[in-house]
Amino acid sequence: MWKIVGLQWVVGVAVCLLMLLVSPIHAQSAAWGFVAVALPSTLFAARLALGSKTPMGGTIVFLAGEFLKVGATIAIMFVASQVDPNIVWWSLILTAIVTLKSYFLAFFLR
């Protein structure tokens, strides 16, 4: 799990740096998309690492964690829209998708 989360951070930073070649505003928007995905994933992985004492408890922790992860991603994107008036949505969404789907890269690199 930690390898996937680490890869999300690497891919997210790389996309932000590539967006910096386009413009600083695109890079800032990309950073919001990266944080919206990578931060909840990191917290979710940390919670899973703590584990649960029972299999049923582990299932509940996993499902609740996934629900909270999606909610946190949406909340961060909402905060981004309120805080940053110059947000470029396509840059934010593109970075969020690439960061989120970086586990495909992890699958092929293993």
PDB file of N, CA and C in Angstrom:
ATOM      1  N   MET A   1       0.825  -1.199   0.000  1.00  0.00           N
ATOM      2  CA  MET A   1       0.000   0.000   0.000  1.00  0.00           C
ATOM      3  C   MET A   1       0.866   1.258   0.000  1.00  0.00           C
ATOM      4  N   TRP A   2       1.944   1.226   0.794  1.00  0.00           N
ATOM      5  CA  TRP A   2       2.798   2.415   0.890  1.00  0.00           C
ATOM      6  C   TRP A   2       3.532   2.696  -0.414  1.00  0.00           C
ATOM      7  N   LYS A   3       3.844   1.653  -1.179  1.00  0.00           N
ATOM      8  CA  LYS A   3       4.500   1.874  -2.470  1.00  0.00           C
ATOM      9  C   LYS A   3       3.564   2.621  -3.421  1.00  0.00           C
ATOM     10  N   ILE A   4       2.301   2.255  -3.386  1.00  0.00           N
ATOM     11  CA  ILE A   4       1.326   2.914  -4.260  1.00  0.00           C
ATOM     12  C   ILE A   4       1.150   4.370  -3.844  1.00  0.00           C
ATOM     13  N   VAL A   5       1.048   4.604  -2.533  1.00  0.00           N
ATOM     14  CA  VAL A   5       0.898   5.979  -2.046  1.00  0.00           C
ATOM     15  C   VAL A   5       2.147   6.796  -2.384  1.00  0.00           C
ATOM     16  N   GLY A   6       3.318   6.201  -2.198  1.00  0.00           N
ATOM     17  CA  GLY A   6       4.562   6.891  -2.549  1.00  0.00           C
ATOM     18  C   GLY A   6       4.628   7.218  -4.028  1.00  0.00           C
ATOM     19  N   LEU A   7       4.173   6.280  -4.849  1.00  0.00           N
ATOM     20  CA  LEU A   7       4.155   6.512  -6.295  1.00  0.00           C
ATOM     21  C   LEU A   7       3.168   7.624  -6.653  1.00  0.00           C
ATOM     22  N   GLN A   8       2.051   7.694  -5.925  1.00  0.00           N
ATOM     23  CA  GLN A   8       1.119   8.796  -6.162  1.00  0.00           C
ATOM     24  C   GLN A   8       1.787  10.140  -5.890  1.00  0.00           C
ATOM     25  N   TRP A   9       2.579  10.221  -4.826  1.00  0.00           N
ATOM     26  CA  TRP A   9       3.284  11.463  -4.514  1.00  0.00           C
ATOM     27  C   TRP A   9       4.301  11.793  -5.608  1.00  0.00           C
ATOM     28  N   VAL A  10       5.034  10.804  -6.072  1.00  0.00           N
ATOM     29  CA  VAL A  10       6.050  11.040  -7.114  1.00  0.00           C
ATOM     30  C   VAL A  10       5.389  11.483  -8.414  1.00  0.00           C
ATOM     31  N   VAL A  11       4.342  10.770  -8.818  1.00  0.00           N
ATOM     32  CA  VAL A  11       3.651  11.108 -10.064  1.00  0.00           C
ATOM     33  C   VAL A  11       2.991  12.480  -9.949  1.00  0.00           C
ATOM     34  N   GLY A  12       2.368  12.768  -8.818  1.00  0.00           N
ATOM     35  CA  GLY A  12       1.724  14.064  -8.623  1.00  0.00           C
ATOM     36  C   GLY A  12       2.700  15.224  -8.700  1.00  0.00           C
ATOM     37  N   VAL A  13       3.851  15.069  -8.055  1.00  0.00           N
ATOM     38  CA  VAL A  13       4.866  16.122  -8.112  1.00  0.00           C
ATOM     39  C   VAL A  13       5.392  16.272  -9.540  1.00  0.00           C
ATOM     40  N   ALA A  14       5.587  15.155 -10.229  1.00  0.00           N
ATOM     41  CA  ALA A  14       6.070  15.215 -11.608  1.00  0.00           C
ATOM     42  C   ALA A  14       5.080  15.948 -12.518  1.00  0.00           C
ATOM     43  N   VAL A  15       3.796  15.669 -12.362  1.00  0.00           N
ATOM     44  CA  VAL A  15       2.792  16.353 -13.180  1.00  0.00           C
ATOM     45  C   VAL A  15       2.764  17.843 -12.852  1.00  0.00           C
ATOM     46  N   CYS A  16       2.886  18.180 -11.574  1.00  0.00           N
ATOM     47  CA  CYS A  16       2.924  19.599 -11.185  1.00  0.00           C
ATOM     48  C   CYS A  16       4.121  20.307 -11.817  1.00  0.00           C
ATOM     49  N   LEU A  17       5.258  19.640 -11.826  1.00  0.00           N
ATOM     50  CA  LEU A  17       6.438  20.239 -12.454  1.00  0.00           C
ATOM     51  C   LEU A  17       6.257  20.383 -13.961  1.00  0.00           C
ATOM     52  N   LEU A  18       5.613  19.416 -14.589  1.00  0.00           N
ATOM     53  CA  LEU A  18       5.326  19.529 -16.021  1.00  0.00           C
ATOM     54  C   LEU A  18       4.347  20.666 -16.292  1.00  0.00           C
ATOM     55  N   MET A  19       3.377  20.833 -15.420  1.00  0.00           N
ATOM     56  CA  MET A  19       2.427  21.934 -15.579  1.00  0.00           C
ATOM     57  C   MET A  19       3.105  23.289 -15.378  1.00  0.00           C
ATOM     58  N   LEU A  20       4.190  23.293 -14.631  1.00  0.00           N
ATOM     59  CA  LEU A  20       4.935  24.532 -14.438  1.00  0.00           C
ATOM     60  C   LEU A  20       5.527  25.017 -15.763  1.00  0.00           C
ATOM     61  N   LEU A  21       5.784  24.082 -16.671  1.00  0.00           N
ATOM     62  CA  LEU A  21       6.260  24.457 -18.000  1.00  0.00           C
ATOM     63  C   LEU A  21       5.174  25.188 -18.794  1.00  0.00           C
ATOM     64  N   VAL A  22       3.915  24.891 -18.489  1.00  0.00           N
ATOM     65  CA  VAL A  22       2.802  25.565 -19.154  1.00  0.00           C
ATOM     66  C   VAL A  22       2.640  26.966 -18.572  1.00  0.00           C
ATOM     67  N   SER A  23       2.424  27.032 -17.255  1.00  0.00           N
ATOM     68  CA  SER A  23       2.339  28.322 -16.564  1.00  0.00           C
ATOM     69  C   SER A  23       2.261  28.082 -15.061  1.00  0.00           C
ATOM     70  N   PRO A  24       2.633  29.063 -14.254  1.00  0.00           N
ATOM     71  CA  PRO A  24       2.538  28.910 -12.799  1.00  0.00           C
ATOM     72  C   PRO A  24       1.099  28.709 -12.312  1.00  0.00           C
ATOM     73  N   ILE A  25       0.130  29.300 -12.998  1.00  0.00           N
ATOM     74  CA  ILE A  25      -1.264  29.135 -12.599  1.00  0.00           C
ATOM     75  C   ILE A  25      -1.713  27.690 -12.817  1.00  0.00           C
ATOM     76  N   HIS A  26      -1.278  27.093 -13.922  1.00  0.00           N
ATOM     77  CA  HIS A  26      -1.599  25.684 -14.179  1.00  0.00           C
ATOM     78  C   HIS A  26      -0.920  24.788 -13.148  1.00  0.00           C
ATOM     79  N   ALA A  27       0.302  25.115 -12.792  1.00  0.00           N
ATOM     80  CA  ALA A  27       1.019  24.320 -11.788  1.00  0.00           C
ATOM     81  C   ALA A  27       0.339  24.415 -10.434  1.00  0.00           C
ATOM     82  N   GLN A  28      -0.151  25.591 -10.076  1.00  0.00           N
ATOM     83  CA  GLN A  28      -0.850  25.763  -8.802  1.00  0.00           C
ATOM     84  C   GLN A  28      -2.156  24.967  -8.800  1.00  0.00           C
ATOM     85  N   SER A  29      -2.869  24.995  -9.894  1.00  0.00           N
ATOM     86  CA  SER A  29      -4.102  24.214 -10.009  1.00  0.00           C
ATOM     87  C   SER A  29      -3.791  22.718  -9.973  1.00  0.00           C
ATOM     88  N   ALA A  30      -2.704  22.314 -10.619  1.00  0.00           N
ATOM     89  CA  ALA A  30      -2.291  20.913 -10.596  1.00  0.00           C
ATOM     90  C   ALA A  30      -1.942  20.482  -9.180  1.00  0.00           C
ATOM     91  N   ALA A  31      -1.334  21.378  -8.427  1.00  0.00           N
ATOM     92  CA  ALA A  31      -0.990  21.059  -7.042  1.00  0.00           C
ATOM     93  C   ALA A  31      -2.244  20.805  -6.212  1.00  0.00           C
ATOM     94  N   TRP A  32      -3.302  21.571  -6.460  1.00  0.00           N
ATOM     95  CA  TRP A  32      -4.559  21.317  -5.754  1.00  0.00           C
ATOM     96  C   TRP A  32      -5.090  19.922  -6.090  1.00  0.00           C
ATOM     97  N   GLY A  33      -5.040  19.542  -7.363  1.00  0.00           N
ATOM     98  CA  GLY A  33      -5.500  18.215  -7.763  1.00  0.00           C
ATOM     99  C   GLY A  33      -4.659  17.111  -7.158  1.00  0.00           C
ATOM    100  N   PHE A  34      -3.361  17.336  -7.113  1.00  0.00           N
ATOM    101  CA  PHE A  34      -2.438  16.369  -6.520  1.00  0.00           C
ATOM    102  C   PHE A  34      -2.715  16.196  -5.031  1.00  0.00           C
ATOM    103  N   VAL A  35      -2.866  17.297  -4.315  1.00  0.00           N
ATOM    104  CA  VAL A  35      -3.123  17.240  -2.873  1.00  0.00           C
ATOM    105  C   VAL A  35      -4.485  16.617  -2.597  1.00  0.00           C
ATOM    106  N   ALA A  36      -5.469  16.906  -3.447  1.00  0.00           N
ATOM    107  CA  ALA A  36      -6.813  16.372  -3.257  1.00  0.00           C
ATOM    108  C   ALA A  36      -6.845  14.850  -3.332  1.00  0.00           C
ATOM    109  N   VAL A  37      -5.902  14.256  -4.033  1.00  0.00           N
ATOM    110  CA  VAL A  37      -5.856  12.798  -4.151  1.00  0.00           C
ATOM    111  C   VAL A  37      -4.823  12.187  -3.205  1.00  0.00           C
ATOM    112  N   ALA A  38      -3.626  12.738  -3.173  1.00  0.00           N
ATOM    113  CA  ALA A  38      -2.526  12.121  -2.429  1.00  0.00           C
ATOM    114  C   ALA A  38      -2.695  12.226  -0.915  1.00  0.00           C
ATOM    115  N   LEU A  39      -3.185  13.344  -0.424  1.00  0.00           N
ATOM    116  CA  LEU A  39      -3.328  13.506   1.027  1.00  0.00           C
ATOM    117  C   LEU A  39      -4.361  12.540   1.615  1.00  0.00           C
ATOM    118  N   PRO A  40      -5.576  12.439   1.071  1.00  0.00           N
ATOM    119  CA  PRO A  40      -6.511  11.446   1.604  1.00  0.00           C
ATOM    120  C   PRO A  40      -6.001  10.005   1.460  1.00  0.00           C
ATOM    121  N   SER A  41      -5.307   9.712   0.365  1.00  0.00           N
ATOM    122  CA  SER A  41      -4.757   8.357   0.190  1.00  0.00           C
ATOM    123  C   SER A  41      -3.713   8.039   1.246  1.00  0.00           C
ATOM    124  N   THR A  42      -2.891   9.024   1.579  1.00  0.00           N
ATOM    125  CA  THR A  42      -1.867   8.829   2.607  1.00  0.00           C
ATOM    126  C   THR A  42      -2.511   8.590   3.968  1.00  0.00           C
ATOM    127  N   LEU A  43      -3.523   9.367   4.291  1.00  0.00           N
ATOM    128  CA  LEU A  43      -4.216   9.179   5.564  1.00  0.00           C
ATOM    129  C   LEU A  43      -4.940   7.840   5.613  1.00  0.00           C
ATOM    130  N   PHE A  44      -5.520   7.423   4.488  1.00  0.00           N
ATOM    131  CA  PHE A  44      -6.190   6.127   4.401  1.00  0.00           C
ATOM    132  C   PHE A  44      -5.190   4.988   4.610  1.00  0.00           C
ATOM    133  N   ALA A  45      -4.032   5.085   3.977  1.00  0.00           N
ATOM    134  CA  ALA A  45      -3.008   4.053   4.142  1.00  0.00           C
ATOM    135  C   ALA A  45      -2.500   3.999   5.575  1.00  0.00           C
ATOM    136  N   ALA A  46      -2.361   5.160   6.207  1.00  0.00           N
ATOM    137  CA  ALA A  46      -1.921   5.185   7.601  1.00  0.00           C
ATOM    138  C   ALA A  46      -2.953   4.514   8.500  1.00  0.00           C
ATOM    139  N   ARG A  47      -4.211   4.763   8.229  1.00  0.00           N
ATOM    140  CA  ARG A  47      -5.268   4.129   9.039  1.00  0.00           C
ATOM    141  C   ARG A  47      -5.285   2.633   8.816  1.00  0.00           C
ATOM    142  N   LEU A  48      -5.097   2.174   7.593  1.00  0.00           N
ATOM    143  CA  LEU A  48      -5.055   0.739   7.326  1.00  0.00           C
ATOM    144  C   LEU A  48      -3.842   0.086   7.975  1.00  0.00           C
ATOM    145  N   ALA A  49      -2.730   0.814   8.043  1.00  0.00           N
ATOM    146  CA  ALA A  49      -1.522   0.276   8.657  1.00  0.00           C
ATOM    147  C   ALA A  49      -1.733   0.024  10.151  1.00  0.00           C
ATOM    148  N   LEU A  50      -2.595   0.806  10.763  1.00  0.00           N
ATOM    149  CA  LEU A  50      -2.889   0.581  12.180  1.00  0.00           C
ATOM    150  C   LEU A  50      -3.639  -0.728  12.388  1.00  0.00           C
ATOM    151  N   GLY A  51      -4.391  -1.122  11.379  1.00  0.00           N
ATOM    152  CA  GLY A  51      -5.052  -2.411  11.401  1.00  0.00           C
ATOM    153  C   GLY A  51      -6.274  -2.458  12.297  1.00  0.00           C
ATOM    154  N   SER A  52      -6.862  -3.634  12.336  1.00  0.00           N
ATOM    155  CA  SER A  52      -8.024  -3.898  13.170  1.00  0.00           C
ATOM    156  C   SER A  52      -7.844  -5.262  13.810  1.00  0.00           C
ATOM    157  N   LYS A  53      -8.483  -5.458  14.923  1.00  0.00           N
ATOM    158  CA  LYS A  53      -8.320  -6.710  15.656  1.00  0.00           C
ATOM    159  C   LYS A  53      -9.158  -7.860  15.083  1.00  0.00           C
ATOM    160  N   THR A  54     -10.200  -7.548  14.338  1.00  0.00           N
ATOM    161  CA  THR A  54     -11.068  -8.585  13.789  1.00  0.00           C
ATOM    162  C   THR A  54     -11.206  -8.406  12.280  1.00  0.00           C
ATOM    163  N   PRO A  55     -11.493  -9.498  11.561  1.00  0.00           N
ATOM    164  CA  PRO A  55     -11.697  -9.374  10.115  1.00  0.00           C
ATOM    165  C   PRO A  55     -12.882  -8.468   9.766  1.00  0.00           C
ATOM    166  N   MET A  56     -13.965  -8.568  10.527  1.00  0.00           N
ATOM    167  CA  MET A  56     -15.128  -7.723  10.271  1.00  0.00           C
ATOM    168  C   MET A  56     -14.787  -6.263  10.531  1.00  0.00           C
ATOM    169  N   GLY A  57     -14.045  -6.021  11.588  1.00  0.00           N
ATOM    170  CA  GLY A  57     -13.621  -4.652  11.885  1.00  0.00           C
ATOM    171  C   GLY A  57     -12.729  -4.101  10.790  1.00  0.00           C
ATOM    172  N   GLY A  58     -11.874  -4.953  10.232  1.00  0.00           N
ATOM    173  CA  GLY A  58     -11.012  -4.526   9.129  1.00  0.00           C
ATOM    174  C   GLY A  58     -11.811  -4.141   7.900  1.00  0.00           C
ATOM    175  N   THR A  59     -12.872  -4.890   7.631  1.00  0.00           N
ATOM    176  CA  THR A  59     -13.733  -4.586   6.495  1.00  0.00           C
ATOM    177  C   THR A  59     -14.446  -3.257   6.696  1.00  0.00           C
ATOM    178  N   ILE A  60     -14.933  -3.048   7.903  1.00  0.00           N
ATOM    179  CA  ILE A  60     -15.636  -1.792   8.200  1.00  0.00           C
ATOM    180  C   ILE A  60     -14.668  -0.614   8.115  1.00  0.00           C
ATOM    181  N   VAL A  61     -13.461  -0.794   8.645  1.00  0.00           N
ATOM    182  CA  VAL A  61     -12.450   0.269   8.578  1.00  0.00           C
ATOM    183  C   VAL A  61     -12.122   0.584   7.125  1.00  0.00           C
ATOM    184  N   PHE A  62     -11.994  -0.448   6.297  1.00  0.00           N
ATOM    185  CA  PHE A  62     -11.680  -0.240   4.886  1.00  0.00           C
ATOM    186  C   PHE A  62     -12.792   0.523   4.173  1.00  0.00           C
ATOM    187  N   LEU A  63     -14.031   0.076   4.355  1.00  0.00           N
ATOM    188  CA  LEU A  63     -15.154   0.729   3.669  1.00  0.00           C
ATOM    189  C   LEU A  63     -15.363   2.162   4.165  1.00  0.00           C
ATOM    190  N   ALA A  64     -15.280   2.358   5.463  1.00  0.00           N
ATOM    191  CA  ALA A  64     -15.420   3.716   6.004  1.00  0.00           C
ATOM    192  C   ALA A  64     -14.277   4.597   5.513  1.00  0.00           C
ATOM    193  N   GLY A  65     -13.083   4.026   5.450  1.00  0.00           N
ATOM    194  CA  GLY A  65     -11.926   4.784   4.970  1.00  0.00           C
ATOM    195  C   GLY A  65     -12.074   5.198   3.523  1.00  0.00           C
ATOM    196  N   GLU A  66     -12.582   4.305   2.700  1.00  0.00           N
ATOM    197  CA  GLU A  66     -12.812   4.650   1.288  1.00  0.00           C
ATOM    198  C   GLU A  66     -13.842   5.766   1.165  1.00  0.00           C
ATOM    199  N   PHE A  67     -14.910   5.674   1.946  1.00  0.00           N
ATOM    200  CA  PHE A  67     -15.943   6.708   1.929  1.00  0.00           C
ATOM    201  C   PHE A  67     -15.351   8.053   2.357  1.00  0.00           C
ATOM    202  N   LEU A  68     -14.568   8.049   3.425  1.00  0.00           N
ATOM    203  CA  LEU A  68     -13.953   9.289   3.909  1.00  0.00           C
ATOM    204  C   LEU A  68     -12.914   9.827   2.926  1.00  0.00           C
ATOM    205  N   LYS A  69     -12.217   8.922   2.249  1.00  0.00           N
ATOM    206  CA  LYS A  69     -11.210   9.349   1.264  1.00  0.00           C
ATOM    207  C   LYS A  69     -11.871  10.090   0.109  1.00  0.00           C
ATOM    208  N   VAL A  70     -12.962   9.567  -0.393  1.00  0.00           N
ATOM    209  CA  VAL A  70     -13.687  10.233  -1.480  1.00  0.00           C
ATOM    210  C   VAL A  70     -14.248  11.568  -0.989  1.00  0.00           C
ATOM    211  N   GLY A  71     -14.813  11.577   0.221  1.00  0.00           N
ATOM    212  CA  GLY A  71     -15.342  12.813   0.784  1.00  0.00           C
ATOM    213  C   GLY A  71     -14.269  13.865   0.973  1.00  0.00           C
ATOM    214  N   ALA A  72     -13.095  13.438   1.440  1.00  0.00           N
ATOM    215  CA  ALA A  72     -11.989  14.382   1.636  1.00  0.00           C
ATOM    216  C   ALA A  72     -11.499  14.936   0.299  1.00  0.00           C
ATOM    217  N   THR A  73     -11.467  14.113  -0.725  1.00  0.00           N
ATOM    218  CA  THR A  73     -11.062  14.580  -2.058  1.00  0.00           C
ATOM    219  C   THR A  73     -12.022  15.644  -2.569  1.00  0.00           C
ATOM    220  N   ILE A  74     -13.305  15.394  -2.429  1.00  0.00           N
ATOM    221  CA  ILE A  74     -14.310  16.372  -2.864  1.00  0.00           C
ATOM    222  C   ILE A  74     -14.201  17.647  -2.030  1.00  0.00           C
ATOM    223  N   ALA A  75     -14.004  17.492  -0.722  1.00  0.00           N
ATOM    224  CA  ALA A  75     -13.892  18.659   0.157  1.00  0.00           C
ATOM    225  C   ALA A  75     -12.672  19.510  -0.202  1.00  0.00           C
ATOM    226  N   ILE A  76     -11.540  18.870  -0.487  1.00  0.00           N
ATOM    227  CA  ILE A  76     -10.338  19.620  -0.861  1.00  0.00           C
ATOM    228  C   ILE A  76     -10.556  20.357  -2.178  1.00  0.00           C
ATOM    229  N   MET A  77     -11.231  19.719  -3.125  1.00  0.00           N
ATOM    230  CA  MET A  77     -11.514  20.402  -4.393  1.00  0.00           C
ATOM    231  C   MET A  77     -12.466  21.583  -4.177  1.00  0.00           C
ATOM    232  N   PHE A  78     -13.428  21.429  -3.270  1.00  0.00           N
ATOM    233  CA  PHE A  78     -14.319  22.536  -2.950  1.00  0.00           C
ATOM    234  C   PHE A  78     -13.542  23.688  -2.316  1.00  0.00           C
ATOM    235  N   VAL A  79     -12.670  23.359  -1.371  1.00  0.00           N
ATOM    236  CA  VAL A  79     -11.850  24.397  -0.732  1.00  0.00           C
ATOM    237  C   VAL A  79     -10.980  25.096  -1.775  1.00  0.00           C
ATOM    238  N   ALA A  80     -10.438  24.326  -2.701  1.00  0.00           N
ATOM    239  CA  ALA A  80      -9.616  24.914  -3.765  1.00  0.00           C
ATOM    240  C   ALA A  80     -10.420  25.919  -4.573  1.00  0.00           C
ATOM    241  N   SER A  81     -11.656  25.583  -4.870  1.00  0.00           N
ATOM    242  CA  SER A  81     -12.492  26.502  -5.659  1.00  0.00           C
ATOM    243  C   SER A  81     -12.817  27.776  -4.889  1.00  0.00           C
ATOM    244  N   GLN A  82     -12.870  27.686  -3.573  1.00  0.00           N
ATOM    245  CA  GLN A  82     -13.178  28.859  -2.760  1.00  0.00           C
ATOM    246  C   GLN A  82     -11.944  29.709  -2.482  1.00  0.00           C
ATOM    247  N   VAL A  83     -10.800  29.064  -2.332  1.00  0.00           N
ATOM    248  CA  VAL A  83      -9.566  29.766  -1.947  1.00  0.00           C
ATOM    249  C   VAL A  83      -8.846  30.360  -3.154  1.00  0.00           C
ATOM    250  N   ASP A  84      -8.827  29.635  -4.239  1.00  0.00           N
ATOM    251  CA  ASP A  84      -8.052  30.039  -5.409  1.00  0.00           C
ATOM    252  C   ASP A  84      -8.976  30.525  -6.528  1.00  0.00           C
ATOM    253  N   PRO A  85      -9.070  31.837  -6.715  1.00  0.00           N
ATOM    254  CA  PRO A  85      -9.977  32.344  -7.757  1.00  0.00           C
ATOM    255  C   PRO A  85      -9.465  32.098  -9.181  1.00  0.00           C
ATOM    256  N   ASN A  86      -8.172  31.826  -9.338  1.00  0.00           N
ATOM    257  CA  ASN A  86      -7.587  31.617 -10.666  1.00  0.00           C
ATOM    258  C   ASN A  86      -7.445  30.151 -11.030  1.00  0.00           C
ATOM    259  N   ILE A  87      -8.198  29.298 -10.394  1.00  0.00           N
ATOM    260  CA  ILE A  87      -8.029  27.863 -10.596  1.00  0.00           C
ATOM    261  C   ILE A  87      -8.356  27.476 -12.043  1.00  0.00           C
ATOM    262  N   VAL A  88      -7.531  26.611 -12.590  1.00  0.00           N
ATOM    263  CA  VAL A  88      -7.738  26.072 -13.934  1.00  0.00           C
ATOM    264  C   VAL A  88      -8.227  24.636 -13.740  1.00  0.00           C
ATOM    265  N   TRP A  89      -9.509  24.445 -13.974  1.00  0.00           N
ATOM    266  CA  TRP A  89     -10.123  23.167 -13.621  1.00  0.00           C
ATOM    267  C   TRP A  89      -9.574  21.991 -14.415  1.00  0.00           C
ATOM    268  N   TRP A  90      -9.301  22.177 -15.690  1.00  0.00           N
ATOM    269  CA  TRP A  90      -8.806  21.034 -16.461  1.00  0.00           C
ATOM    270  C   TRP A  90      -7.449  20.585 -15.932  1.00  0.00           C
ATOM    271  N   SER A  91      -6.649  21.510 -15.470  1.00  0.00           N
ATOM    272  CA  SER A  91      -5.350  21.173 -14.912  1.00  0.00           C
ATOM    273  C   SER A  91      -5.506  20.418 -13.589  1.00  0.00           C
ATOM    274  N   LEU A  92      -6.428  20.883 -12.754  1.00  0.00           N
ATOM    275  CA  LEU A  92      -6.690  20.221 -11.478  1.00  0.00           C
ATOM    276  C   LEU A  92      -7.215  18.808 -11.696  1.00  0.00           C
ATOM    277  N   ILE A  93      -8.209  18.664 -12.553  1.00  0.00           N
ATOM    278  CA  ILE A  93      -8.830  17.358 -12.796  1.00  0.00           C
ATOM    279  C   ILE A  93      -7.841  16.395 -13.459  1.00  0.00           C
ATOM    280  N   LEU A  94      -7.086  16.875 -14.435  1.00  0.00           N
ATOM    281  CA  LEU A  94      -6.098  16.028 -15.112  1.00  0.00           C
ATOM    282  C   LEU A  94      -5.074  15.490 -14.113  1.00  0.00           C
ATOM    283  N   THR A  95      -4.567  16.360 -13.256  1.00  0.00           N
ATOM    284  CA  THR A  95      -3.576  15.930 -12.272  1.00  0.00           C
ATOM    285  C   THR A  95      -4.186  14.963 -11.270  1.00  0.00           C
ATOM    286  N   ALA A  96      -5.417  15.218 -10.854  1.00  0.00           N
ATOM    287  CA  ALA A  96      -6.084  14.311  -9.919  1.00  0.00           C
ATOM    288  C   ALA A  96      -6.260  12.928 -10.537  1.00  0.00           C
ATOM    289  N   ILE A  97      -6.657  12.876 -11.793  1.00  0.00           N
ATOM    290  CA  ILE A  97      -6.853  11.581 -12.456  1.00  0.00           C
ATOM    291  C   ILE A  97      -5.530  10.851 -12.625  1.00  0.00           C
ATOM    292  N   VAL A  98      -4.509  11.555 -13.087  1.00  0.00           N
ATOM    293  CA  VAL A  98      -3.208  10.914 -13.299  1.00  0.00           C
ATOM    294  C   VAL A  98      -2.644  10.417 -11.967  1.00  0.00           C
ATOM    295  N   THR A  99      -2.778  11.220 -10.926  1.00  0.00           N
ATOM    296  CA  THR A  99      -2.288  10.808  -9.603  1.00  0.00           C
ATOM    297  C   THR A  99      -3.083   9.619  -9.089  1.00  0.00           C
ATOM    298  N   LEU A 100      -4.383   9.664  -9.254  1.00  0.00           N
ATOM    299  CA  LEU A 100      -5.238   8.575  -8.777  1.00  0.00           C
ATOM    300  C   LEU A 100      -4.957   7.274  -9.515  1.00  0.00           C
ATOM    301  N   LYS A 101      -4.726   7.363 -10.786  1.00  0.00           N
ATOM    302  CA  LYS A 101      -4.517   6.156 -11.595  1.00  0.00           C
ATOM    303  C   LYS A 101      -3.056   5.715 -11.668  1.00  0.00           C
ATOM    304  N   SER A 102      -2.203   6.295 -10.859  1.00  0.00           N
ATOM    305  CA  SER A 102      -0.793   5.905 -10.886  1.00  0.00           C
ATOM    306  C   SER A 102      -0.584   4.483 -10.382  1.00  0.00           C
ATOM    307  N   TYR A 103      -1.598   3.892  -9.750  1.00  0.00           N
ATOM    308  CA  TYR A 103      -1.436   2.510  -9.313  1.00  0.00           C
ATOM    309  C   TYR A 103      -1.332   1.561 -10.497  1.00  0.00           C
ATOM    310  N   PHE A 104      -1.816   1.966 -11.678  1.00  0.00           N
ATOM    311  CA  PHE A 104      -1.593   1.151 -12.871  1.00  0.00           C
ATOM    312  C   PHE A 104      -0.100   1.081 -13.175  1.00  0.00           C
ATOM    313  N   LEU A 105       0.583   2.197 -13.011  1.00  0.00           N
ATOM    314  CA  LEU A 105       2.025   2.240 -13.193  1.00  0.00           C
ATOM    315  C   LEU A 105       2.707   1.332 -12.172  1.00  0.00           C
ATOM    316  N   ALA A 106       2.236   1.354 -10.942  1.00  0.00           N
ATOM    317  CA  ALA A 106       2.796   0.486  -9.899  1.00  0.00           C
ATOM    318  C   ALA A 106       2.604  -0.982 -10.261  1.00  0.00           C
ATOM    319  N   PHE A 107       1.466  -1.292 -10.865  1.00  0.00           N
ATOM    320  CA  PHE A 107       1.207  -2.676 -11.282  1.00  0.00           C
ATOM    321  C   PHE A 107       2.204  -3.142 -12.328  1.00  0.00           C
ATOM    322  N   PHE A 108       2.510  -2.272 -13.287  1.00  0.00           N
ATOM    323  CA  PHE A 108       3.426  -2.643 -14.353  1.00  0.00           C
ATOM    324  C   PHE A 108       4.885  -2.600 -13.933  1.00  0.00           C
ATOM    325  N   LEU A 109       5.209  -1.842 -12.888  1.00  0.00           N
ATOM    326  CA  LEU A 109       6.596  -1.734 -12.429  1.00  0.00           C
ATOM    327  C   LEU A 109       6.995  -2.831 -11.448  1.00  0.00           C
ATOM    328  N   ARG A 110       6.052  -3.585 -10.968  1.00  0.00           N
ATOM    329  CA  ARG A 110       6.392  -4.588  -9.951  1.00  0.00           C
ATOM    330  C   ARG A 110       7.093  -5.761 -10.491  1.00  0.00           C
TER     331      ARG A 110
END
